[in-house]
Amino acid sequence: MAFELGKLNKLAPLIGVYAFYNVFATNYPADPVGGMRTALTAFMADPINKLQAKISNLTTLAIVIIGTPIALRMVKLPASVKMLVNLLVYYIMGDQLAAVLNGAGRFGAVSSYRPQVTWGGETSAFHNRTSSTGVIKNTFGGN
């Protein structure tokens, strides 16, 4: 009795749930469920600003949800490859939904809601020069 790969498609939504949970388990290892509650509460307090900050995650989610079925219809692939693509789509969907709520997902996620700090920014060592202490010795002879 051979196991049919098509039966794995029934587990695809569970893979999406796992990906969703995995983001919170990574960010809050001590209490992932508490992290989910905190992220959901913070999201519900100001959803418009959170969605605007997470536009890259929403774009990735839209491309995957809309583009994958169109691409699969255009290309003739074996059923096993389509099944693997379906599992990957559910994983990306769960991951990006969690990233919209909380932060750092696995696929094109923007980390949380912290401002991006670039090199040469206001808090970098480039702008915060410290005075040197001590004596510089001349190693080329002389005094």
Protein backbone atom coordinates (compact mmCIF):
# COMPACT_ATOMS: atom_id res chain seq x y z
CA MET A 1 0.00 0.00 0.00
CA ALA A 2 1.70 3.13 -1.21
CA PHE A 3 1.22 6.51 0.40
CA GLU A 4 -0.22 8.98 -2.06
CA LEU A 5 1.50 12.34 -2.17
CA GLY A 6 -1.81 14.01 -2.99
CA LYS A 7 -2.97 13.35 0.56
CA LEU A 8 -0.33 15.80 1.80
CA ASN A 9 -2.33 18.63 0.22
CA LYS A 10 -4.89 18.15 2.97
CA LEU A 11 -2.16 19.08 5.47
CA ALA A 12 -1.24 22.31 3.67
CA PRO A 13 -3.30 24.58 5.98
CA LEU A 14 -1.53 23.01 8.97
CA ILE A 15 1.79 23.97 7.41
CA GLY A 16 0.52 27.57 7.22
CA VAL A 17 -0.46 27.42 10.89
CA TYR A 18 2.98 26.03 11.74
CA ALA A 19 4.69 28.87 9.83
CA PHE A 20 2.51 31.41 11.66
CA TYR A 21 3.36 29.87 15.03
CA ASN A 22 7.05 29.52 14.14
CA VAL A 23 7.49 33.29 13.74
CA PHE A 24 6.21 33.86 17.27
CA ALA A 25 8.15 30.90 18.68
CA THR A 26 11.32 32.42 17.24
CA ASN A 27 10.62 35.94 18.50
CA TYR A 28 9.18 34.91 21.89
CA PRO A 29 10.80 31.58 22.80
CA ALA A 30 9.56 31.59 26.39
CA ASP A 31 5.88 32.26 25.60
CA PRO A 32 4.88 32.18 21.90
CA VAL A 33 1.14 32.26 22.66
CA GLY A 34 1.60 35.30 24.90
CA GLY A 35 3.63 36.88 22.09
CA MET A 36 0.73 36.28 19.70
CA ARG A 37 -1.68 37.95 22.10
CA THR A 38 0.65 40.92 22.58
CA ALA A 39 1.19 41.32 18.83
CA LEU A 40 -2.53 41.05 18.10
CA THR A 41 -3.35 43.62 20.79
CA ALA A 42 -0.71 46.01 19.45
CA PHE A 43 -1.99 45.48 15.90
CA MET A 44 -5.61 46.15 16.88
CA ALA A 45 -4.61 49.36 18.69
CA ASP A 46 -3.33 50.96 15.47
CA PRO A 47 -4.00 48.74 12.43
CA ILE A 48 -3.64 51.38 9.71
CA ASN A 49 -0.12 52.44 10.70
CA LYS A 50 0.94 48.82 11.20
CA LEU A 51 -0.33 47.86 7.74
CA GLN A 52 1.43 50.83 6.17
CA ALA A 53 4.67 49.84 7.91
CA LYS A 54 4.30 46.27 6.67
CA ILE A 55 3.53 46.97 3.01
CA SER A 56 6.42 44.74 1.84
CA ASN A 57 4.92 41.79 3.71
CA LEU A 58 1.49 42.48 2.26
CA THR A 59 2.99 42.74 -1.23
CA THR A 60 4.75 39.40 -0.83
CA LEU A 61 1.53 37.86 0.43
CA ALA A 62 -0.49 39.24 -2.49
CA ILE A 63 2.07 38.06 -5.06
CA VAL A 64 2.08 34.56 -3.61
CA ILE A 65 -1.71 34.27 -3.27
CA ILE A 66 -2.53 35.76 -6.68
CA GLY A 67 0.55 34.92 -8.75
CA THR A 68 1.12 31.28 -7.87
CA PRO A 69 -2.18 29.91 -9.19
CA ILE A 70 -1.76 31.92 -12.40
CA ALA A 71 1.81 30.67 -12.87
CA LEU A 72 0.80 27.06 -12.17
CA ARG A 73 -1.90 27.23 -14.85
CA MET A 74 0.56 28.59 -17.40
CA VAL A 75 3.18 25.90 -16.83
CA LYS A 76 2.63 22.17 -17.15
CA LEU A 77 4.17 20.51 -14.11
CA PRO A 78 3.89 17.05 -12.58
CA ALA A 79 1.33 16.67 -9.80
CA SER A 80 4.04 16.10 -7.19
CA VAL A 81 5.73 19.43 -8.02
CA LYS A 82 2.38 21.24 -7.87
CA MET A 83 1.76 19.67 -4.48
CA LEU A 84 5.14 20.89 -3.19
CA VAL A 85 4.44 24.38 -4.55
CA ASN A 86 1.07 24.33 -2.78
CA LEU A 87 2.74 23.42 0.53
CA LEU A 88 5.29 26.20 0.04
CA VAL A 89 2.52 28.70 -0.72
CA TYR A 90 0.75 27.86 2.54
CA TYR A 91 4.04 28.17 4.45
CA ILE A 92 4.72 31.61 2.95
CA MET A 93 1.14 32.71 3.65
CA GLY A 94 1.38 31.77 7.33
CA ASP A 95 4.80 33.35 7.64
CA GLN A 96 3.81 36.64 6.04
CA LEU A 97 0.58 36.93 8.02
CA ALA A 98 2.58 36.54 11.23
CA ALA A 99 5.13 39.05 9.97
CA VAL A 100 2.36 41.58 9.39
CA LEU A 101 1.27 41.21 13.00
CA ASN A 102 4.63 40.94 14.68
CA GLY A 103 7.80 41.29 12.70
CA ALA A 104 10.59 39.28 11.23
CA GLY A 105 9.22 36.48 9.12
CA ARG A 106 11.30 34.31 6.82
CA PHE A 107 10.39 35.62 3.37
CA GLY A 108 10.88 39.31 2.66
CA ALA A 109 9.87 40.40 6.13
CA VAL A 110 10.69 43.74 7.63
CA SER A 111 11.78 43.46 11.23
CA SER A 112 9.17 44.61 13.71
CA TYR A 113 8.29 48.33 13.82
CA ARG A 114 11.72 49.65 14.74
CA PRO A 115 13.18 52.46 12.67
CA GLN A 116 15.86 51.36 10.24
CA VAL A 117 19.35 52.48 11.21
CA THR A 118 21.78 52.81 8.33
CA TRP A 119 25.52 53.27 8.28
CA GLY A 120 26.40 56.84 8.95
CA GLY A 121 23.13 57.41 10.77
CA GLU A 122 22.69 59.70 13.71
CA THR A 123 23.67 57.02 16.23
CA SER A 124 26.57 55.50 14.31
CA ALA A 125 30.19 55.64 15.31
CA PHE A 126 30.78 57.77 12.22
CA HIS A 127 28.88 60.66 13.80
CA ASN A 128 29.78 59.95 17.43
CA ARG A 129 33.49 60.56 17.37
CA THR A 130 35.25 60.20 20.65
CA SER A 131 38.44 61.97 21.56
CA SER A 132 41.46 59.76 21.78
CA THR A 133 43.11 59.31 25.11
CA GLY A 134 46.70 58.53 25.77
CA VAL A 135 49.95 59.52 24.13
CA ILE A 136 50.84 58.79 20.53
CA LYS A 137 54.44 57.70 20.23
CA ASN A 138 56.57 58.53 17.25
CA THR A 139 57.88 55.23 15.93
CA PHE A 140 60.01 56.77 13.16
CA GLY A 141 62.81 57.93 15.33
CA GLY A 142 63.23 61.31 16.91
CA ASN A 143 61.66 62.11 20.27
